[in-house]
Amino acid sequence: MPDWFKKGMECAILAPTAMNQQKFLFTLNNDKVSVKPTGGFYSKLDLGIAMYHFEIGSGRRLMHN
């Protein structure tokens, strides 16, 4: 696992979200990251917050599924 991905995941996991839930899934495939919500109330809002924090921590842009 690349260091930039670990840093991004640390930031996403520690990020506060609207419902204080982490109902999203990050996937690393061939040096590309995608993310998707896994359901729940405000999951899309929480996903956006997590994506923002991942991008800051990793220094990379995400692809949203």
C-alpha atoms as a PDB file:
ATOM      1  CA  MET A   1       0.000   0.000   0.000  1.00  0.00           C
ATOM      2  CA  PRO A   2       1.524   3.354  -1.009  1.00  0.00           C
ATOM      3  CA  ASP A   3       2.323   5.886   1.703  1.00  0.00           C
ATOM      4  CA  TRP A   4       0.116   8.549   0.090  1.00  0.00           C
ATOM      5  CA  PHE A   5      -2.873   6.160   0.299  1.00  0.00           C
ATOM      6  CA  LYS A   6      -2.214   5.443   3.982  1.00  0.00           C
ATOM      7  CA  LYS A   7      -2.032   9.172   4.732  1.00  0.00           C
ATOM      8  CA  GLY A   8      -5.252   9.814   2.836  1.00  0.00           C
ATOM      9  CA  MET A   9      -7.056   7.005   4.657  1.00  0.00           C
ATOM     10  CA  GLU A  10      -5.861   8.269   8.039  1.00  0.00           C
ATOM     11  CA  CYS A  11      -7.322  11.685   7.269  1.00  0.00           C
ATOM     12  CA  ALA A  12     -10.595  10.233   5.951  1.00  0.00           C
ATOM     13  CA  ILE A  13     -11.032   7.996   8.993  1.00  0.00           C
ATOM     14  CA  LEU A  14     -10.342  10.824  11.445  1.00  0.00           C
ATOM     15  CA  ALA A  15     -12.547  13.326   9.605  1.00  0.00           C
ATOM     16  CA  PRO A  16     -15.707  14.422  11.392  1.00  0.00           C
ATOM     17  CA  THR A  17     -18.833  13.666   9.366  1.00  0.00           C
ATOM     18  CA  ALA A  18     -22.413  14.920   9.483  1.00  0.00           C
ATOM     19  CA  MET A  19     -23.692  11.795  11.253  1.00  0.00           C
ATOM     20  CA  ASN A  20     -20.379  10.650  12.792  1.00  0.00           C
ATOM     21  CA  GLN A  21     -20.558   7.502  10.702  1.00  0.00           C
ATOM     22  CA  GLN A  22     -18.124   6.138   8.169  1.00  0.00           C
ATOM     23  CA  LYS A  23     -20.411   4.539   5.635  1.00  0.00           C
ATOM     24  CA  PHE A  24     -18.128   4.713   2.628  1.00  0.00           C
ATOM     25  CA  LEU A  25     -15.673   2.436   0.859  1.00  0.00           C
ATOM     26  CA  PHE A  26     -12.306   3.491  -0.560  1.00  0.00           C
ATOM     27  CA  THR A  27     -10.720   1.201  -3.166  1.00  0.00           C
ATOM     28  CA  LEU A  28      -7.150   1.296  -4.482  1.00  0.00           C
ATOM     29  CA  ASN A  29      -6.626  -0.313  -7.871  1.00  0.00           C
ATOM     30  CA  ASN A  30      -3.474   0.197  -9.974  1.00  0.00           C
ATOM     31  CA  ASP A  31      -2.564   3.464  -8.259  1.00  0.00           C
ATOM     32  CA  LYS A  32      -6.102   4.852  -8.712  1.00  0.00           C
ATOM     33  CA  VAL A  33      -8.535   5.427  -5.863  1.00  0.00           C
ATOM     34  CA  SER A  34     -12.303   5.293  -6.104  1.00  0.00           C
ATOM     35  CA  VAL A  35     -14.845   5.772  -3.358  1.00  0.00           C
ATOM     36  CA  LYS A  36     -18.544   5.035  -2.955  1.00  0.00           C
ATOM     37  CA  PRO A  37     -21.170   5.351  -0.215  1.00  0.00           C
ATOM     38  CA  THR A  38     -22.393   2.187   1.487  1.00  0.00           C
ATOM     39  CA  GLY A  39     -25.769   3.555   2.568  1.00  0.00           C
ATOM     40  CA  GLY A  40     -27.301   5.344   5.487  1.00  0.00           C
ATOM     41  CA  PHE A  41     -28.791   8.724   6.278  1.00  0.00           C
ATOM     42  CA  TYR A  42     -26.665  11.610   4.933  1.00  0.00           C
ATOM     43  CA  SER A  43     -24.232   9.080   3.439  1.00  0.00           C
ATOM     44  CA  LYS A  44     -23.581  11.248   0.369  1.00  0.00           C
ATOM     45  CA  LEU A  45     -22.787  14.262   2.528  1.00  0.00           C
ATOM     46  CA  ASP A  46     -20.514  12.169   4.743  1.00  0.00           C
ATOM     47  CA  LEU A  47     -18.867  10.771   1.612  1.00  0.00           C
ATOM     48  CA  GLY A  48     -18.051  14.262   0.362  1.00  0.00           C
ATOM     49  CA  ILE A  49     -16.493  15.172   3.705  1.00  0.00           C
ATOM     50  CA  ALA A  50     -14.385  11.994   3.721  1.00  0.00           C
ATOM     51  CA  MET A  51     -13.311  12.540   0.103  1.00  0.00           C
ATOM     52  CA  TYR A  52     -12.195  16.076   0.881  1.00  0.00           C
ATOM     53  CA  HIS A  53     -10.101  14.916   3.824  1.00  0.00           C
ATOM     54  CA  PHE A  54      -8.626  12.028   1.822  1.00  0.00           C
ATOM     55  CA  GLU A  55      -7.583  14.382  -0.955  1.00  0.00           C
ATOM     56  CA  ILE A  56      -5.910  16.760   1.500  1.00  0.00           C
ATOM     57  CA  GLY A  57      -4.055  13.938   3.252  1.00  0.00           C
ATOM     58  CA  SER A  58      -2.998  12.082   0.126  1.00  0.00           C
ATOM     59  CA  GLY A  59      -2.443  15.003  -2.218  1.00  0.00           C
ATOM     60  CA  ARG A  60      -4.454  13.172  -4.913  1.00  0.00           C
ATOM     61  CA  ARG A  61      -7.873  13.601  -6.558  1.00  0.00           C
ATOM     62  CA  LEU A  62     -10.506  10.867  -6.286  1.00  0.00           C
ATOM     63  CA  MET A  63     -12.874   9.263  -8.780  1.00  0.00           C
ATOM     64  CA  HIS A  64     -16.422   9.036  -7.426  1.00  0.00           C
ATOM     65  CA  ASN A  65     -18.446   5.939  -8.479  1.00  0.00           C
END
